[in-house]
């Protein structure tokens, strides 16, 4: 018999096209779930460190954001990878202000 997964309610997370183009954010803050995830997964910050860095959040909000992320991991990871690729593409097409002033910096390695 197949296991039915019940979706968790996330009282601190919202999605609204008028806020951050509809990406999941912590209700009332505009802080993306991804912002919390990057601090936790990539930067190695604890939930307590995150609320110290983002004082408009609290511990239940941070834990709910992480729970939401793990429930929607594939979707959020795919969107993040696409955003990184877009940024890399823009870097190749456009010079930075420093590069405009000094000229293209050659790879010195």
Protein backbone atom coordinates (compact mmCIF):
# COMPACT_ATOMS: atom_id res chain seq x y z
CA UNK A 1 0.00 0.00 0.00
CA UNK A 2 1.40 3.48 -0.98
CA UNK A 3 2.22 6.03 1.65
CA UNK A 4 0.27 9.29 1.42
CA UNK A 5 2.27 12.38 2.34
CA UNK A 6 0.29 15.06 4.10
CA UNK A 7 1.50 18.57 3.30
CA UNK A 8 2.56 20.57 6.35
CA UNK A 9 0.95 23.92 7.04
CA UNK A 10 3.39 26.79 7.17
CA UNK A 11 1.79 29.64 9.13
CA UNK A 12 4.80 31.94 8.76
CA UNK A 13 5.33 31.53 5.00
CA UNK A 14 3.44 33.29 2.24
CA UNK A 15 3.56 33.61 -1.53
CA UNK A 16 2.17 36.69 -3.23
CA UNK A 17 2.95 37.84 -6.79
CA UNK A 18 3.16 41.44 -5.46
CA UNK A 19 5.90 40.50 -2.97
CA UNK A 20 9.26 39.37 -4.37
CA UNK A 21 7.58 38.10 -7.57
CA UNK A 22 5.73 35.40 -5.67
CA UNK A 23 8.68 33.55 -4.18
CA UNK A 24 8.03 32.17 -0.68
CA UNK A 25 8.80 34.72 2.04
CA UNK A 26 8.40 34.98 5.78
CA UNK A 27 5.04 36.63 6.37
CA UNK A 28 5.31 40.34 7.06
CA UNK A 29 9.05 40.61 6.40
CA UNK A 30 9.84 40.19 2.70
CA UNK A 31 12.68 37.85 3.70
CA UNK A 32 12.79 34.98 1.25
CA UNK A 33 12.82 31.38 2.42
CA UNK A 34 15.91 31.12 0.22
CA UNK A 35 17.63 33.85 2.28
CA UNK A 36 17.15 31.72 5.40
CA UNK A 37 18.26 28.56 3.61
CA UNK A 38 21.47 30.17 2.30
CA UNK A 39 22.38 31.35 5.79
CA UNK A 40 21.67 27.88 7.26
CA UNK A 41 22.89 25.51 4.54
CA UNK A 42 25.68 27.49 2.84
CA UNK A 43 26.94 29.89 5.51
CA UNK A 44 26.53 27.39 8.36
CA UNK A 45 24.57 29.73 10.60
CA UNK A 46 22.38 28.27 13.34
CA UNK A 47 18.73 29.41 13.60
CA UNK A 48 19.83 31.54 16.56
CA UNK A 49 22.57 33.13 14.42
CA UNK A 50 20.00 33.84 11.72
CA UNK A 51 17.65 35.70 14.05
CA UNK A 52 20.61 37.69 15.35
CA UNK A 53 21.51 38.67 11.77
CA UNK A 54 17.88 39.25 10.77
CA UNK A 55 16.30 40.71 13.93
CA UNK A 56 12.90 41.13 12.28
CA UNK A 57 12.59 37.33 12.39
CA UNK A 58 12.00 34.97 15.29
CA UNK A 59 12.85 31.33 15.91
CA UNK A 60 9.46 29.87 14.88
CA UNK A 61 9.64 31.79 11.58
CA UNK A 62 13.15 30.55 10.83
CA UNK A 63 12.23 26.93 11.61
CA UNK A 64 9.08 27.23 9.49
CA UNK A 65 11.15 28.62 6.59
CA UNK A 66 13.55 25.68 6.84
CA UNK A 67 10.66 23.22 7.05
CA UNK A 68 9.06 24.83 3.98
CA UNK A 69 12.36 24.57 2.13
CA UNK A 70 12.80 20.87 2.84
CA UNK A 71 9.22 20.24 1.75
CA UNK A 72 9.77 22.19 -1.52
CA UNK A 73 13.50 21.58 -1.94
CA UNK A 74 13.54 20.63 -5.64
CA UNK A 75 11.46 23.65 -6.65
CA UNK A 76 13.50 26.15 -4.60
CA UNK A 77 16.86 24.65 -5.60
CA UNK A 78 15.90 24.76 -9.30
CA UNK A 79 14.85 28.41 -9.06
CA UNK A 80 18.07 29.28 -7.23
CA UNK A 81 20.26 27.51 -9.82
CA UNK A 82 18.44 29.32 -12.63
CA UNK A 83 18.99 32.68 -10.90
CA UNK A 84 22.70 31.93 -10.46
CA UNK A 85 23.01 30.99 -14.14
CA UNK A 86 21.22 34.20 -15.16
CA UNK A 87 23.61 36.22 -13.01
CA UNK A 88 26.63 34.49 -14.51
CA UNK A 89 25.29 35.20 -17.99
CA UNK A 90 24.85 38.89 -17.15
CA UNK A 91 28.40 39.05 -15.77
CA UNK A 92 29.72 37.80 -19.12
CA UNK A 93 27.65 40.32 -21.08
CA UNK A 94 28.23 43.40 -18.92
CA UNK A 95 31.39 44.89 -17.45
CA UNK A 96 31.54 45.99 -13.84
CA UNK A 97 32.17 49.65 -13.01
CA UNK A 98 35.73 48.76 -12.00
CA UNK A 99 36.34 46.92 -15.27
CA UNK A 100 35.02 49.92 -17.19
CA UNK A 101 37.51 52.16 -15.39
CA UNK A 102 40.52 49.82 -15.49
CA UNK A 103 39.77 47.64 -18.47
CA UNK A 104 39.07 43.91 -18.46
CA UNK A 105 41.04 42.08 -15.80
CA UNK A 106 42.86 39.10 -17.25
CA UNK A 107 42.95 35.79 -15.48
CA UNK A 108 46.30 35.82 -13.67
CA UNK A 109 46.33 32.13 -12.81
